[in-house]
């Protein structure tokens, strides 16, 4: 029984898609690449294709996002943020909080395994 439960959890994580979204109010940005996302989420830049964005981590799926997009483990991320010193990781919010922030600010970019009600920029498998 434990094996079946474990396999179902692993398969849902391995085969779930991550939706990268930006506020519907943002009319300038229509697509993004994994490389651009990595640079924004590691705070190497705050722009994608010349458009300023504010990255927000999703409490519900950040481990999966960083694994699939940045190919980094939580331990590697902690080391990265310690090494960078002054830079801070993106704020972590729940899916519901991200939806509210996207309604207020067109610069918010985030991700989820479900719809955030923003404009879809990329699917990551």
PDB file of N, CA and C in Angstrom:
ATOM      1  N   UNK A   1       0.820  -1.195   0.000  1.00  0.00           N
ATOM      2  CA  UNK A   1       0.000   0.000   0.000  1.00  0.00           C
ATOM      3  C   UNK A   1       0.870   1.267   0.000  1.00  0.00           C
ATOM      4  N   UNK A   2       1.906   1.281   0.818  1.00  0.00           N
ATOM      5  CA  UNK A   2       2.800   2.439   0.882  1.00  0.00           C
ATOM      6  C   UNK A   2       3.451   2.696  -0.469  1.00  0.00           C
ATOM      7  N   UNK A   3       3.804   1.627  -1.162  1.00  0.00           N
ATOM      8  CA  UNK A   3       4.437   1.757  -2.473  1.00  0.00           C
ATOM      9  C   UNK A   3       3.501   2.446  -3.457  1.00  0.00           C
ATOM     10  N   UNK A   4       2.237   2.090  -3.446  1.00  0.00           N
ATOM     11  CA  UNK A   4       1.267   2.700  -4.353  1.00  0.00           C
ATOM     12  C   UNK A   4       1.107   4.191  -4.057  1.00  0.00           C
ATOM     13  N   UNK A   5       1.015   4.524  -2.788  1.00  0.00           N
ATOM     14  CA  UNK A   5       0.879   5.937  -2.404  1.00  0.00           C
ATOM     15  C   UNK A   5       2.121   6.715  -2.824  1.00  0.00           C
ATOM     16  N   UNK A   6       3.288   6.170  -2.560  1.00  0.00           N
ATOM     17  CA  UNK A   6       4.540   6.836  -2.924  1.00  0.00           C
ATOM     18  C   UNK A   6       4.647   7.025  -4.433  1.00  0.00           C
ATOM     19  N   UNK A   7       4.307   5.993  -5.193  1.00  0.00           N
ATOM     20  CA  UNK A   7       4.353   6.097  -6.649  1.00  0.00           C
ATOM     21  C   UNK A   7       3.379   7.138  -7.179  1.00  0.00           C
ATOM     22  N   UNK A   8       2.204   7.224  -6.602  1.00  0.00           N
ATOM     23  CA  UNK A   8       1.240   8.222  -7.082  1.00  0.00           C
ATOM     24  C   UNK A   8       1.714   9.635  -6.780  1.00  0.00           C
ATOM     25  N   UNK A   9       2.337   9.834  -5.627  1.00  0.00           N
ATOM     26  CA  UNK A   9       2.873  11.156  -5.292  1.00  0.00           C
ATOM     27  C   UNK A   9       4.015  11.519  -6.235  1.00  0.00           C
ATOM     28  N   UNK A  10       4.928  10.588  -6.449  1.00  0.00           N
ATOM     29  CA  UNK A  10       6.058  10.847  -7.350  1.00  0.00           C
ATOM     30  C   UNK A  10       5.605  11.105  -8.772  1.00  0.00           C
ATOM     31  N   UNK A  11       4.670  10.342  -9.261  1.00  0.00           N
ATOM     32  CA  UNK A  11       4.216  10.528 -10.644  1.00  0.00           C
ATOM     33  C   UNK A  11       3.491  11.849 -10.810  1.00  0.00           C
ATOM     34  N   UNK A  12       2.730  12.282  -9.806  1.00  0.00           N
ATOM     35  CA  UNK A  12       2.049  13.572  -9.938  1.00  0.00           C
ATOM     36  C   UNK A  12       3.049  14.715  -9.957  1.00  0.00           C
ATOM     37  N   UNK A  13       4.140  14.586  -9.202  1.00  0.00           N
ATOM     38  CA  UNK A  13       5.176  15.616  -9.202  1.00  0.00           C
ATOM     39  C   UNK A  13       5.973  15.592 -10.495  1.00  0.00           C
ATOM     40  N   UNK A  14       6.326  14.415 -10.958  1.00  0.00           N
ATOM     41  CA  UNK A  14       7.140  14.315 -12.165  1.00  0.00           C
ATOM     42  C   UNK A  14       6.405  14.766 -13.414  1.00  0.00           C
ATOM     43  N   UNK A  15       5.119  14.530 -13.477  1.00  0.00           N
ATOM     44  CA  UNK A  15       4.375  14.804 -14.694  1.00  0.00           C
ATOM     45  C   UNK A  15       3.529  16.065 -14.627  1.00  0.00           C
ATOM     46  N   UNK A  16       3.580  16.775 -13.516  1.00  0.00           N
ATOM     47  CA  UNK A  16       2.795  18.002 -13.432  1.00  0.00           C
ATOM     48  C   UNK A  16       3.495  19.124 -14.192  1.00  0.00           C
ATOM     49  N   UNK A  17       2.691  20.003 -14.701  1.00  0.00           N
ATOM     50  CA  UNK A  17       3.224  21.155 -15.423  1.00  0.00           C
ATOM     51  C   UNK A  17       3.227  22.365 -14.508  1.00  0.00           C
ATOM     52  N   UNK A  18       4.190  23.203 -14.726  1.00  0.00           N
ATOM     53  CA  UNK A  18       4.236  24.474 -14.020  1.00  0.00           C
ATOM     54  C   UNK A  18       3.865  25.552 -15.015  1.00  0.00           C
ATOM     55  N   UNK A  19       2.921  26.370 -14.628  1.00  0.00           N
ATOM     56  CA  UNK A  19       2.462  27.476 -15.463  1.00  0.00           C
ATOM     57  C   UNK A  19       3.174  28.753 -15.000  1.00  0.00           C
ATOM     58  N   UNK A  20       3.859  29.416 -15.915  1.00  0.00           N
ATOM     59  CA  UNK A  20       4.505  30.689 -15.628  1.00  0.00           C
ATOM     60  C   UNK A  20       3.536  31.764 -16.109  1.00  0.00           C
ATOM     61  N   UNK A  21       3.140  32.638 -15.197  1.00  0.00           N
ATOM     62  CA  UNK A  21       2.147  33.653 -15.535  1.00  0.00           C
ATOM     63  C   UNK A  21       2.583  35.028 -15.069  1.00  0.00           C
ATOM     64  N   UNK A  22       2.050  36.028 -15.764  1.00  0.00           N
ATOM     65  CA  UNK A  22       2.233  37.423 -15.394  1.00  0.00           C
ATOM     66  C   UNK A  22       0.853  38.050 -15.328  1.00  0.00           C
ATOM     67  N   UNK A  23       0.735  39.153 -14.656  1.00  0.00           N
ATOM     68  CA  UNK A  23      -0.548  39.818 -14.517  1.00  0.00           C
ATOM     69  C   UNK A  23      -1.205  40.061 -15.876  1.00  0.00           C
ATOM     70  N   UNK A  24      -2.514  39.883 -15.928  1.00  0.00           N
ATOM     71  CA  UNK A  24      -3.274  40.162 -17.158  1.00  0.00           C
ATOM     72  C   UNK A  24      -3.092  41.616 -17.595  1.00  0.00           C
ATOM     73  N   UNK A  25      -2.812  42.487 -16.653  1.00  0.00           N
ATOM     74  CA  UNK A  25      -2.648  43.914 -16.951  1.00  0.00           C
ATOM     75  C   UNK A  25      -1.363  44.221 -17.705  1.00  0.00           C
ATOM     76  N   UNK A  26      -0.424  43.291 -17.692  1.00  0.00           N
ATOM     77  CA  UNK A  26       0.846  43.492 -18.381  1.00  0.00           C
ATOM     78  C   UNK A  26       0.660  43.135 -19.850  1.00  0.00           C
ATOM     79  N   UNK A  27       0.626  44.143 -20.685  1.00  0.00           N
ATOM     80  CA  UNK A  27       0.408  43.948 -22.128  1.00  0.00           C
ATOM     81  C   UNK A  27       1.717  43.854 -22.914  1.00  0.00           C
ATOM     82  N   UNK A  28       2.846  44.130 -22.265  1.00  0.00           N
ATOM     83  CA  UNK A  28       4.135  44.167 -22.952  1.00  0.00           C
ATOM     84  C   UNK A  28       4.785  42.800 -23.102  1.00  0.00           C
ATOM     85  N   UNK A  29       4.675  41.961 -22.090  1.00  0.00           N
ATOM     86  CA  UNK A  29       5.380  40.679 -22.089  1.00  0.00           C
ATOM     87  C   UNK A  29       4.448  39.564 -22.546  1.00  0.00           C
ATOM     88  N   UNK A  30       4.867  38.834 -23.597  1.00  0.00           N
ATOM     89  CA  UNK A  30       4.009  37.771 -24.123  1.00  0.00           C
ATOM     90  C   UNK A  30       4.651  36.384 -24.054  1.00  0.00           C
ATOM     91  N   UNK A  31       5.951  36.317 -23.758  1.00  0.00           N
ATOM     92  CA  UNK A  31       6.611  35.021 -23.630  1.00  0.00           C
ATOM     93  C   UNK A  31       7.854  35.172 -22.761  1.00  0.00           C
ATOM     94  N   UNK A  32       8.370  34.026 -22.331  1.00  0.00           N
ATOM     95  CA  UNK A  32       9.563  34.004 -21.498  1.00  0.00           C
ATOM     96  C   UNK A  32      10.250  32.658 -21.714  1.00  0.00           C
ATOM     97  N   UNK A  33      11.559  32.642 -21.554  1.00  0.00           N
ATOM     98  CA  UNK A  33      12.317  31.400 -21.665  1.00  0.00           C
ATOM     99  C   UNK A  33      12.746  30.943 -20.269  1.00  0.00           C
ATOM    100  N   UNK A  34      13.169  29.695 -20.165  1.00  0.00           N
ATOM    101  CA  UNK A  34      13.675  29.191 -18.881  1.00  0.00           C
ATOM    102  C   UNK A  34      14.892  29.992 -18.424  1.00  0.00           C
ATOM    103  N   UNK A  35      15.758  30.344 -19.369  1.00  0.00           N
ATOM    104  CA  UNK A  35      16.958  31.108 -19.035  1.00  0.00           C
ATOM    105  C   UNK A  35      16.594  32.481 -18.467  1.00  0.00           C
ATOM    106  N   UNK A  36      15.623  33.152 -19.084  1.00  0.00           N
ATOM    107  CA  UNK A  36      15.183  34.459 -18.584  1.00  0.00           C
ATOM    108  C   UNK A  36      14.586  34.327 -17.185  1.00  0.00           C
ATOM    109  N   UNK A  37      13.805  33.275 -16.962  1.00  0.00           N
ATOM    110  CA  UNK A  37      13.226  33.040 -15.635  1.00  0.00           C
ATOM    111  C   UNK A  37      14.312  32.816 -14.602  1.00  0.00           C
ATOM    112  N   UNK A  38      15.293  32.010 -14.944  1.00  0.00           N
ATOM    113  CA  UNK A  38      16.382  31.727 -14.018  1.00  0.00           C
ATOM    114  C   UNK A  38      17.084  33.016 -13.601  1.00  0.00           C
ATOM    115  N   UNK A  39      17.357  33.889 -14.542  1.00  0.00           N
ATOM    116  CA  UNK A  39      18.046  35.148 -14.229  1.00  0.00           C
ATOM    117  C   UNK A  39      17.199  36.040 -13.328  1.00  0.00           C
ATOM    118  N   UNK A  40      15.900  36.075 -13.564  1.00  0.00           N
ATOM    119  CA  UNK A  40      15.005  36.899 -12.742  1.00  0.00           C
ATOM    120  C   UNK A  40      14.878  36.319 -11.340  1.00  0.00           C
ATOM    121  N   UNK A  41      14.665  35.010 -11.231  1.00  0.00           N
ATOM    122  CA  UNK A  41      14.472  34.392  -9.925  1.00  0.00           C
ATOM    123  C   UNK A  41      15.748  34.288  -9.103  1.00  0.00           C
ATOM    124  N   UNK A  42      16.906  34.370  -9.749  1.00  0.00           N
ATOM    125  CA  UNK A  42      18.165  34.414  -9.014  1.00  0.00           C
ATOM    126  C   UNK A  42      18.628  35.858  -8.802  1.00  0.00           C
ATOM    127  N   UNK A  43      17.760  36.801  -9.161  1.00  0.00           N
ATOM    128  CA  UNK A  43      18.002  38.241  -8.968  1.00  0.00           C
ATOM    129  C   UNK A  43      19.235  38.743  -9.704  1.00  0.00           C
ATOM    130  N   UNK A  44      19.510  38.137 -10.862  1.00  0.00           N
ATOM    131  CA  UNK A  44      20.603  38.632 -11.701  1.00  0.00           C
ATOM    132  C   UNK A  44      20.127  39.786 -12.561  1.00  0.00           C
ATOM    133  N   UNK A  45      18.812  39.887 -12.754  1.00  0.00           N
ATOM    134  CA  UNK A  45      18.191  40.988 -13.478  1.00  0.00           C
ATOM    135  C   UNK A  45      16.757  41.141 -12.980  1.00  0.00           C
ATOM    136  N   UNK A  46      16.170  42.280 -13.281  1.00  0.00           N
ATOM    137  CA  UNK A  46      14.754  42.465 -12.951  1.00  0.00           C
ATOM    138  C   UNK A  46      13.942  42.740 -14.213  1.00  0.00           C
ATOM    139  N   UNK A  47      14.536  42.406 -15.365  1.00  0.00           N
ATOM    140  CA  UNK A  47      13.857  42.638 -16.639  1.00  0.00           C
ATOM    141  C   UNK A  47      13.818  41.378 -17.498  1.00  0.00           C
ATOM    142  N   UNK A  48      12.725  41.233 -18.231  1.00  0.00           N
ATOM    143  CA  UNK A  48      12.593  40.199 -19.247  1.00  0.00           C
ATOM    144  C   UNK A  48      12.227  40.915 -20.532  1.00  0.00           C
ATOM    145  N   UNK A  49      13.072  40.786 -21.540  1.00  0.00           N
ATOM    146  CA  UNK A  49      12.854  41.460 -22.832  1.00  0.00           C
ATOM    147  C   UNK A  49      12.599  42.960 -22.639  1.00  0.00           C
ATOM    148  N   UNK A  50      13.349  43.559 -21.705  1.00  0.00           N
ATOM    149  CA  UNK A  50      13.245  44.994 -21.448  1.00  0.00           C
ATOM    150  C   UNK A  50      12.082  45.403 -20.560  1.00  0.00           C
ATOM    151  N   UNK A  51      11.275  44.457 -20.110  1.00  0.00           N
ATOM    152  CA  UNK A  51      10.113  44.742 -19.264  1.00  0.00           C
ATOM    153  C   UNK A  51      10.458  44.397 -17.813  1.00  0.00           C
ATOM    154  N   UNK A  52      10.299  45.361 -16.914  1.00  0.00           N
ATOM    155  CA  UNK A  52      10.578  45.131 -15.504  1.00  0.00           C
ATOM    156  C   UNK A  52       9.527  44.207 -14.902  1.00  0.00           C
ATOM    157  N   UNK A  53      10.004  43.202 -14.167  1.00  0.00           N
ATOM    158  CA  UNK A  53       9.110  42.242 -13.513  1.00  0.00           C
ATOM    159  C   UNK A  53       9.498  42.075 -12.050  1.00  0.00           C
ATOM    160  N   UNK A  54       8.535  41.630 -11.247  1.00  0.00           N
ATOM    161  CA  UNK A  54       8.768  41.345  -9.836  1.00  0.00           C
ATOM    162  C   UNK A  54       8.447  39.871  -9.618  1.00  0.00           C
ATOM    163  N   UNK A  55       9.468  39.034  -9.407  1.00  0.00           N
ATOM    164  CA  UNK A  55       9.217  37.608  -9.217  1.00  0.00           C
ATOM    165  C   UNK A  55       8.675  37.308  -7.822  1.00  0.00           C
ATOM    166  N   UNK A  56       7.711  36.406  -7.772  1.00  0.00           N
ATOM    167  CA  UNK A  56       7.176  35.939  -6.499  1.00  0.00           C
ATOM    168  C   UNK A  56       7.185  34.419  -6.524  1.00  0.00           C
ATOM    169  N   UNK A  57       7.721  33.835  -5.453  1.00  0.00           N
ATOM    170  CA  UNK A  57       7.719  32.380  -5.321  1.00  0.00           C
ATOM    171  C   UNK A  57       6.363  31.912  -4.808  1.00  0.00           C
ATOM    172  N   UNK A  58       5.966  30.733  -5.262  1.00  0.00           N
ATOM    173  CA  UNK A  58       4.711  30.125  -4.833  1.00  0.00           C
ATOM    174  C   UNK A  58       5.035  29.095  -3.745  1.00  0.00           C
ATOM    175  N   UNK A  59       4.507  29.315  -2.535  1.00  0.00           N
ATOM    176  CA  UNK A  59       4.761  28.404  -1.414  1.00  0.00           C
ATOM    177  C   UNK A  59       4.385  26.964  -1.756  1.00  0.00           C
ATOM    178  N   UNK A  60       3.395  26.802  -2.615  1.00  0.00           N
ATOM    179  CA  UNK A  60       2.867  25.476  -2.916  1.00  0.00           C
ATOM    180  C   UNK A  60       3.697  24.689  -3.917  1.00  0.00           C
ATOM    181  N   UNK A  61       4.503  25.366  -4.738  1.00  0.00           N
ATOM    182  CA  UNK A  61       5.223  24.625  -5.790  1.00  0.00           C
ATOM    183  C   UNK A  61       6.639  25.135  -6.055  1.00  0.00           C
ATOM    184  N   UNK A  62       7.226  25.840  -5.099  1.00  0.00           N
ATOM    185  CA  UNK A  62       8.547  26.412  -5.368  1.00  0.00           C
ATOM    186  C   UNK A  62       9.645  25.351  -5.517  1.00  0.00           C
ATOM    187  N   UNK A  63       9.572  24.259  -4.774  1.00  0.00           N
ATOM    188  CA  UNK A  63      10.603  23.220  -4.899  1.00  0.00           C
ATOM    189  C   UNK A  63      10.601  22.622  -6.310  1.00  0.00           C
ATOM    190  N   UNK A  64       9.416  22.363  -6.821  1.00  0.00           N
ATOM    191  CA  UNK A  64       9.290  21.808  -8.168  1.00  0.00           C
ATOM    192  C   UNK A  64       9.784  22.809  -9.213  1.00  0.00           C
ATOM    193  N   UNK A  65       9.426  24.085  -9.049  1.00  0.00           N
ATOM    194  CA  UNK A  65       9.854  25.132  -9.980  1.00  0.00           C
ATOM    195  C   UNK A  65      11.376  25.227 -10.028  1.00  0.00           C
ATOM    196  N   UNK A  66      12.014  25.328  -8.865  1.00  0.00           N
ATOM    197  CA  UNK A  66      13.467  25.474  -8.837  1.00  0.00           C
ATOM    198  C   UNK A  66      14.170  24.230  -9.357  1.00  0.00           C
ATOM    199  N   UNK A  67      13.587  23.082  -9.127  1.00  0.00           N
ATOM    200  CA  UNK A  67      14.166  21.849  -9.648  1.00  0.00           C
ATOM    201  C   UNK A  67      14.085  21.794 -11.174  1.00  0.00           C
ATOM    202  N   UNK A  68      12.926  22.144 -11.726  1.00  0.00           N
ATOM    203  CA  UNK A  68      12.711  22.032 -13.166  1.00  0.00           C
ATOM    204  C   UNK A  68      13.305  23.195 -13.957  1.00  0.00           C
ATOM    205  N   UNK A  69      13.221  24.389 -13.429  1.00  0.00           N
ATOM    206  CA  UNK A  69      13.667  25.569 -14.182  1.00  0.00           C
ATOM    207  C   UNK A  69      15.131  25.900 -13.912  1.00  0.00           C
ATOM    208  N   UNK A  70      15.533  25.885 -12.663  1.00  0.00           N
ATOM    209  CA  UNK A  70      16.909  26.261 -12.323  1.00  0.00           C
ATOM    210  C   UNK A  70      17.820  25.064 -12.076  1.00  0.00           C
ATOM    211  N   UNK A  71      17.248  23.875 -12.030  1.00  0.00           N
ATOM    212  CA  UNK A  71      17.999  22.657 -11.718  1.00  0.00           C
ATOM    213  C   UNK A  71      18.800  22.818 -10.425  1.00  0.00           C
ATOM    214  N   UNK A  72      18.137  23.351  -9.394  1.00  0.00           N
ATOM    215  CA  UNK A  72      18.783  23.544  -8.095  1.00  0.00           C
ATOM    216  C   UNK A  72      17.946  22.911  -6.987  1.00  0.00           C
ATOM    217  N   UNK A  73      18.632  22.351  -6.010  1.00  0.00           N
ATOM    218  CA  UNK A  73      17.980  21.781  -4.838  1.00  0.00           C
ATOM    219  C   UNK A  73      17.807  22.885  -3.791  1.00  0.00           C
ATOM    220  N   UNK A  74      16.969  22.664  -2.777  1.00  0.00           N
ATOM    221  CA  UNK A  74      16.840  23.665  -1.705  1.00  0.00           C
ATOM    222  C   UNK A  74      18.183  23.985  -1.040  1.00  0.00           C
ATOM    223  N   UNK A  75      19.020  22.970  -0.866  1.00  0.00           N
ATOM    224  CA  UNK A  75      20.335  23.194  -0.255  1.00  0.00           C
ATOM    225  C   UNK A  75      21.205  24.099  -1.139  1.00  0.00           C
ATOM    226  N   UNK A  76      21.194  23.868  -2.440  1.00  0.00           N
ATOM    227  CA  UNK A  76      21.960  24.704  -3.364  1.00  0.00           C
ATOM    228  C   UNK A  76      21.437  26.140  -3.366  1.00  0.00           C
ATOM    229  N   UNK A  77      20.134  26.302  -3.266  1.00  0.00           N
ATOM    230  CA  UNK A  77      19.559  27.654  -3.229  1.00  0.00           C
ATOM    231  C   UNK A  77      19.966  28.407  -1.972  1.00  0.00           C
ATOM    232  N   UNK A  78      19.917  27.728  -0.829  1.00  0.00           N
ATOM    233  CA  UNK A  78      20.354  28.380   0.416  1.00  0.00           C
ATOM    234  C   UNK A  78      21.801  28.847   0.289  1.00  0.00           C
ATOM    235  N   UNK A  79      22.650  27.999  -0.262  1.00  0.00           N
ATOM    236  CA  UNK A  79      24.057  28.367  -0.446  1.00  0.00           C
ATOM    237  C   UNK A  79      24.183  29.560  -1.396  1.00  0.00           C
ATOM    238  N   UNK A  80      23.395  29.573  -2.446  1.00  0.00           N
ATOM    239  CA  UNK A  80      23.436  30.681  -3.411  1.00  0.00           C
ATOM    240  C   UNK A  80      23.082  31.997  -2.722  1.00  0.00           C
ATOM    241  N   UNK A  81      21.988  32.008  -1.937  1.00  0.00           N
ATOM    242  CA  UNK A  81      21.561  33.259  -1.303  1.00  0.00           C
ATOM    243  C   UNK A  81      22.551  33.712  -0.239  1.00  0.00           C
ATOM    244  N   UNK A  82      23.175  32.785   0.445  1.00  0.00           N
ATOM    245  CA  UNK A  82      24.205  33.149   1.429  1.00  0.00           C
ATOM    246  C   UNK A  82      25.403  33.767   0.717  1.00  0.00           C
ATOM    247  N   UNK A  83      25.783  33.162  -0.384  1.00  0.00           N
ATOM    248  CA  UNK A  83      26.939  33.637  -1.157  1.00  0.00           C
ATOM    249  C   UNK A  83      26.702  35.034  -1.738  1.00  0.00           C
ATOM    250  N   UNK A  84      25.478  35.313  -2.207  1.00  0.00           N
ATOM    251  CA  UNK A  84      25.207  36.606  -2.842  1.00  0.00           C
ATOM    252  C   UNK A  84      25.160  37.750  -1.848  1.00  0.00           C
ATOM    253  N   UNK A  85      24.947  37.455  -0.572  1.00  0.00           N
ATOM    254  CA  UNK A  85      25.011  38.488   0.452  1.00  0.00           C
ATOM    255  C   UNK A  85      23.835  39.436   0.489  1.00  0.00           C
ATOM    256  N   UNK A  86      23.912  40.527  -0.275  1.00  0.00           N
ATOM    257  CA  UNK A  86      22.896  41.578  -0.217  1.00  0.00           C
ATOM    258  C   UNK A  86      21.594  41.205  -0.914  1.00  0.00           C
ATOM    259  N   UNK A  87      21.661  40.325  -1.893  1.00  0.00           N
ATOM    260  CA  UNK A  87      20.458  39.947  -2.637  1.00  0.00           C
ATOM    261  C   UNK A  87      19.574  39.056  -1.779  1.00  0.00           C
ATOM    262  N   UNK A  88      18.275  39.235  -1.914  1.00  0.00           N
ATOM    263  CA  UNK A  88      17.295  38.437  -1.173  1.00  0.00           C
ATOM    264  C   UNK A  88      16.475  37.599  -2.140  1.00  0.00           C
ATOM    265  N   UNK A  89      16.089  36.391  -1.729  1.00  0.00           N
ATOM    266  CA  UNK A  89      15.239  35.578  -2.605  1.00  0.00           C
ATOM    267  C   UNK A  89      13.874  36.241  -2.783  1.00  0.00           C
ATOM    268  N   UNK A  90      13.156  35.873  -3.837  1.00  0.00           N
ATOM    269  CA  UNK A  90      11.814  36.422  -4.025  1.00  0.00           C
ATOM    270  C   UNK A  90      10.909  36.083  -2.841  1.00  0.00           C
ATOM    271  N   UNK A  91       9.953  36.936  -2.603  1.00  0.00           N
ATOM    272  CA  UNK A  91       8.980  36.728  -1.542  1.00  0.00           C
ATOM    273  C   UNK A  91       8.161  35.479  -1.859  1.00  0.00           C
ATOM    274  N   UNK A  92       7.831  34.683  -0.837  1.00  0.00           N
ATOM    275  CA  UNK A  92       7.019  33.473  -1.015  1.00  0.00           C
ATOM    276  C   UNK A  92       5.604  33.757  -0.548  1.00  0.00           C
ATOM    277  N   UNK A  93       4.652  33.517  -1.448  1.00  0.00           N
ATOM    278  CA  UNK A  93       3.238  33.694  -1.133  1.00  0.00           C
ATOM    279  C   UNK A  93       2.451  32.452  -1.527  1.00  0.00           C
ATOM    280  N   UNK A  94       1.266  32.310  -0.971  1.00  0.00           N
ATOM    281  CA  UNK A  94       0.372  31.221  -1.368  1.00  0.00           C
ATOM    282  C   UNK A  94      -0.233  31.549  -2.729  1.00  0.00           C
ATOM    283  N   UNK A  95      -0.836  30.565  -3.358  1.00  0.00           N
ATOM    284  CA  UNK A  95      -1.474  30.774  -4.656  1.00  0.00           C
ATOM    285  C   UNK A  95      -2.527  31.871  -4.569  1.00  0.00           C
ATOM    286  N   UNK A  96      -3.337  31.845  -3.524  1.00  0.00           N
ATOM    287  CA  UNK A  96      -4.391  32.861  -3.350  1.00  0.00           C
ATOM    288  C   UNK A  96      -3.793  34.261  -3.201  1.00  0.00           C
ATOM    289  N   UNK A  97      -2.706  34.380  -2.449  1.00  0.00           N
ATOM    290  CA  UNK A  97      -2.055  35.686  -2.263  1.00  0.00           C
ATOM    291  C   UNK A  97      -1.446  36.182  -3.575  1.00  0.00           C
ATOM    292  N   UNK A  98      -0.878  35.271  -4.364  1.00  0.00           N
ATOM    293  CA  UNK A  98      -0.294  35.652  -5.651  1.00  0.00           C
ATOM    294  C   UNK A  98      -1.381  36.189  -6.574  1.00  0.00           C
ATOM    295  N   UNK A  99      -2.528  35.535  -6.592  1.00  0.00           N
ATOM    296  CA  UNK A  99      -3.646  35.998  -7.420  1.00  0.00           C
ATOM    297  C   UNK A  99      -4.023  37.430  -7.061  1.00  0.00           C
ATOM    298  N   UNK A 100      -4.081  37.732  -5.776  1.00  0.00           N
ATOM    299  CA  UNK A 100      -4.412  39.091  -5.329  1.00  0.00           C
ATOM    300  C   UNK A 100      -3.340  40.093  -5.752  1.00  0.00           C
ATOM    301  N   UNK A 101      -2.075  39.716  -5.601  1.00  0.00           N
ATOM    302  CA  UNK A 101      -0.985  40.606  -5.990  1.00  0.00           C
ATOM    303  C   UNK A 101      -0.997  40.881  -7.494  1.00  0.00           C
ATOM    304  N   UNK A 102      -1.299  39.853  -8.297  1.00  0.00           N
ATOM    305  CA  UNK A 102      -1.345  40.023  -9.753  1.00  0.00           C
ATOM    306  C   UNK A 102      -2.445  40.992 -10.170  1.00  0.00           C
ATOM    307  N   UNK A 103      -3.525  41.009  -9.437  1.00  0.00           N
ATOM    308  CA  UNK A 103      -4.621  41.935  -9.745  1.00  0.00           C
ATOM    309  C   UNK A 103      -4.199  43.379  -9.487  1.00  0.00           C
ATOM    310  N   UNK A 104      -3.323  43.573  -8.503  1.00  0.00           N
ATOM    311  CA  UNK A 104      -2.906  44.923  -8.116  1.00  0.00           C
ATOM    312  C   UNK A 104      -1.704  45.446  -8.893  1.00  0.00           C
ATOM    313  N   UNK A 105      -0.793  44.543  -9.288  1.00  0.00           N
ATOM    314  CA  UNK A 105       0.476  44.986  -9.855  1.00  0.00           C
ATOM    315  C   UNK A 105       0.781  44.254 -11.170  1.00  0.00           C
ATOM    316  N   UNK A 106       0.852  44.968 -12.289  1.00  0.00           N
ATOM    317  CA  UNK A 106       1.118  44.330 -13.584  1.00  0.00           C
ATOM    318  C   UNK A 106       2.532  43.786 -13.748  1.00  0.00           C
ATOM    319  N   UNK A 107       3.423  44.086 -12.826  1.00  0.00           N
ATOM    320  CA  UNK A 107       4.809  43.618 -12.932  1.00  0.00           C
ATOM    321  C   UNK A 107       5.032  42.255 -12.275  1.00  0.00           C
ATOM    322  N   UNK A 108       4.053  41.743 -11.555  1.00  0.00           N
ATOM    323  CA  UNK A 108       4.209  40.474 -10.848  1.00  0.00           C
ATOM    324  C   UNK A 108       4.298  39.315 -11.832  1.00  0.00           C
ATOM    325  N   UNK A 109       5.316  38.481 -11.651  1.00  0.00           N
ATOM    326  CA  UNK A 109       5.455  37.236 -12.403  1.00  0.00           C
ATOM    327  C   UNK A 109       5.582  36.121 -11.384  1.00  0.00           C
ATOM    328  N   UNK A 110       4.893  35.013 -11.642  1.00  0.00           N
ATOM    329  CA  UNK A 110       4.954  33.885 -10.726  1.00  0.00           C
ATOM    330  C   UNK A 110       4.626  32.599 -11.456  1.00  0.00           C
ATOM    331  N   UNK A 111       4.466  31.538 -10.708  1.00  0.00           N
ATOM    332  CA  UNK A 111       4.241  30.218 -11.283  1.00  0.00           C
ATOM    333  C   UNK A 111       3.334  29.418 -10.366  1.00  0.00           C
ATOM    334  N   UNK A 112       2.741  28.385 -10.933  1.00  0.00           N
ATOM    335  CA  UNK A 112       1.863  27.509 -10.172  1.00  0.00           C
ATOM    336  C   UNK A 112       1.595  26.252 -10.986  1.00  0.00           C
ATOM    337  N   UNK A 113       1.121  25.226 -10.317  1.00  0.00           N
ATOM    338  CA  UNK A 113       0.693  24.027 -11.025  1.00  0.00           C
ATOM    339  C   UNK A 113      -0.774  24.154 -11.428  1.00  0.00           C
ATOM    340  N   UNK A 114      -1.408  25.251 -11.001  1.00  0.00           N
ATOM    341  CA  UNK A 114      -2.784  25.541 -11.401  1.00  0.00           C
ATOM    342  C   UNK A 114      -2.846  26.960 -11.956  1.00  0.00           C
ATOM    343  N   UNK A 115      -3.992  27.343 -12.456  1.00  0.00           N
ATOM    344  CA  UNK A 115      -4.161  28.663 -13.054  1.00  0.00           C
ATOM    345  C   UNK A 115      -4.105  29.753 -11.984  1.00  0.00           C
ATOM    346  N   UNK A 116      -3.344  30.797 -12.241  1.00  0.00           N
ATOM    347  CA  UNK A 116      -3.258  31.935 -11.326  1.00  0.00           C
ATOM    348  C   UNK A 116      -4.167  33.086 -11.748  1.00  0.00           C
ATOM    349  N   UNK A 117      -4.877  32.944 -12.820  1.00  0.00           N
ATOM    350  CA  UNK A 117      -5.719  33.977 -13.435  1.00  0.00           C
ATOM    351  C   UNK A 117      -4.899  35.090 -14.073  1.00  0.00           C
ATOM    352  N   UNK A 118      -3.649  34.808 -14.329  1.00  0.00           N
ATOM    353  CA  UNK A 118      -2.809  35.757 -15.033  1.00  0.00           C
ATOM    354  C   UNK A 118      -2.700  35.347 -16.492  1.00  0.00           C
ATOM    355  N   UNK A 119      -1.800  35.993 -17.204  1.00  0.00           N
ATOM    356  CA  UNK A 119      -1.557  35.685 -18.609  1.00  0.00           C
ATOM    357  C   UNK A 119      -0.463  34.617 -18.672  1.00  0.00           C
ATOM    358  N   UNK A 120      -0.738  33.501 -19.330  1.00  0.00           N
ATOM    359  CA  UNK A 120       0.209  32.404 -19.448  1.00  0.00           C
ATOM    360  C   UNK A 120       1.373  32.786 -20.362  1.00  0.00           C
ATOM    361  N   UNK A 121       2.595  32.602 -19.857  1.00  0.00           N
ATOM    362  CA  UNK A 121       3.790  32.900 -20.638  1.00  0.00           C
ATOM    363  C   UNK A 121       4.530  31.636 -21.063  1.00  0.00           C
ATOM    364  N   UNK A 122       4.470  30.583 -20.247  1.00  0.00           N
ATOM    365  CA  UNK A 122       5.239  29.379 -20.533  1.00  0.00           C
ATOM    366  C   UNK A 122       4.710  28.221 -19.711  1.00  0.00           C
ATOM    367  N   UNK A 123       4.713  27.029 -20.297  1.00  0.00           N
ATOM    368  CA  UNK A 123       4.455  25.768 -19.582  1.00  0.00           C
ATOM    369  C   UNK A 123       5.800  25.082 -19.398  1.00  0.00           C
ATOM    370  N   UNK A 124       6.103  24.649 -18.197  1.00  0.00           N
ATOM    371  CA  UNK A 124       7.323  23.896 -17.937  1.00  0.00           C
ATOM    372  C   UNK A 124       6.908  22.504 -17.490  1.00  0.00           C
ATOM    373  N   UNK A 125       7.402  21.492 -18.205  1.00  0.00           N
ATOM    374  CA  UNK A 125       7.050  20.104 -17.868  1.00  0.00           C
ATOM    375  C   UNK A 125       8.130  19.453 -17.066  1.00  0.00           C
TER     376      UNK A 125
END
